[in-house]
Amino acid sequence: MAKVETNTIEDIVSALKKIEYGSLVITVHDGEITQIDATEKKRYKAKGKQRKAQ
C-alpha cells in the first residue's frame, strides 16, 4: 500500500464534511490517489403535495 500524503487526507475529510447529500469519488491510479470528485445534491420538500401511503 502506498503512503497517502497528509494534505490529501485533509482534502478528503474536508470534502466529506461539506457534503450533506451526495457522493465523493476517489480515483486511484497505480496505487496513488490522483483525483477527488465531490457531487452534492440539494433536497427540497414539495409544498402542498403529500405522498400516498402504499
C-alpha atoms as a PDB file:
ATOM      1  CA  MET A   1       0.000   0.000   0.000  1.00  0.00           C
ATOM      2  CA  ALA A   2       1.319   3.440  -0.937  1.00  0.00           C
ATOM      3  CA  LYS A   3       1.700   6.185   1.636  1.00  0.00           C
ATOM      4  CA  VAL A   4      -1.053   8.825   1.424  1.00  0.00           C
ATOM      5  CA  GLU A   5       0.051  12.432   1.838  1.00  0.00           C
ATOM      6  CA  THR A   6      -1.359  14.321   4.821  1.00  0.00           C
ATOM      7  CA  ASN A   7      -2.774  17.112   2.628  1.00  0.00           C
ATOM      8  CA  THR A   8      -4.626  14.510   0.529  1.00  0.00           C
ATOM      9  CA  ILE A   9      -6.259  13.060   3.635  1.00  0.00           C
ATOM     10  CA  GLU A  10      -7.166  16.574   4.794  1.00  0.00           C
ATOM     11  CA  ASP A  11      -8.755  17.305   1.395  1.00  0.00           C
ATOM     12  CA  ILE A  12     -10.825  14.111   1.582  1.00  0.00           C
ATOM     13  CA  VAL A  13     -12.002  14.829   5.142  1.00  0.00           C
ATOM     14  CA  SER A  14     -12.810  18.434   4.223  1.00  0.00           C
ATOM     15  CA  ALA A  15     -14.877  17.328   1.210  1.00  0.00           C
ATOM     16  CA  LEU A  16     -16.773  14.796   3.351  1.00  0.00           C
ATOM     17  CA  LYS A  17     -17.626  17.443   5.953  1.00  0.00           C
ATOM     18  CA  LYS A  18     -19.107  19.726   3.276  1.00  0.00           C
ATOM     19  CA  ILE A  19     -21.475  17.134   1.777  1.00  0.00           C
ATOM     20  CA  GLU A  20     -24.889  16.599   3.372  1.00  0.00           C
ATOM     21  CA  TYR A  21     -26.281  14.539   0.469  1.00  0.00           C
ATOM     22  CA  GLY A  22     -24.117  13.365  -2.402  1.00  0.00           C
ATOM     23  CA  SER A  23     -21.032  11.362  -3.169  1.00  0.00           C
ATOM     24  CA  LEU A  24     -17.269  11.532  -3.006  1.00  0.00           C
ATOM     25  CA  VAL A  25     -15.301   9.604  -5.631  1.00  0.00           C
ATOM     26  CA  ILE A  26     -11.606   8.965  -5.043  1.00  0.00           C
ATOM     27  CA  THR A  27      -9.689   7.993  -8.178  1.00  0.00           C
ATOM     28  CA  VAL A  28      -6.615   5.824  -7.742  1.00  0.00           C
ATOM     29  CA  HIS A  29      -4.001   5.253 -10.458  1.00  0.00           C
ATOM     30  CA  ASP A  30      -1.035   2.931  -9.925  1.00  0.00           C
ATOM     31  CA  GLY A  31      -1.788   2.800  -6.190  1.00  0.00           C
ATOM     32  CA  GLU A  32      -1.795   6.593  -5.789  1.00  0.00           C
ATOM     33  CA  ILE A  33      -4.771   8.910  -5.229  1.00  0.00           C
ATOM     34  CA  THR A  34      -4.886  11.101  -8.309  1.00  0.00           C
ATOM     35  CA  GLN A  35      -8.273  12.807  -8.107  1.00  0.00           C
ATOM     36  CA  ILE A  36     -11.175  13.573  -5.785  1.00  0.00           C
ATOM     37  CA  ASP A  37     -14.631  14.352  -7.210  1.00  0.00           C
ATOM     38  CA  ALA A  38     -17.414  15.607  -4.956  1.00  0.00           C
ATOM     39  CA  THR A  39     -21.033  15.708  -6.110  1.00  0.00           C
ATOM     40  CA  GLU A  40     -23.538  17.350  -3.808  1.00  0.00           C
ATOM     41  CA  LYS A  41     -27.285  17.031  -4.073  1.00  0.00           C
ATOM     42  CA  LYS A  42     -29.753  19.552  -2.738  1.00  0.00           C
ATOM     43  CA  ARG A  43     -33.026  18.193  -1.381  1.00  0.00           C
ATOM     44  CA  TYR A  44     -36.222  20.243  -1.192  1.00  0.00           C
ATOM     45  CA  LYS A  45     -39.556  19.296   0.322  1.00  0.00           C
ATOM     46  CA  ALA A  46     -42.511  19.649  -2.026  1.00  0.00           C
ATOM     47  CA  LYS A  47     -45.115  22.106  -0.744  1.00  0.00           C
ATOM     48  CA  GLY A  48     -48.766  21.161  -0.921  1.00  0.00           C
ATOM     49  CA  LYS A  49     -48.193  17.585  -2.024  1.00  0.00           C
ATOM     50  CA  GLN A  50     -48.476  14.556   0.171  1.00  0.00           C
ATOM     51  CA  ARG A  51     -47.205  11.121  -0.646  1.00  0.00           C
ATOM     52  CA  LYS A  52     -49.751   8.361  -0.994  1.00  0.00           C
ATOM     53  CA  ALA A  53     -49.455   5.526   1.509  1.00  0.00           C
ATOM     54  CA  GLN A  54     -48.930   2.172  -0.182  1.00  0.00           C
END
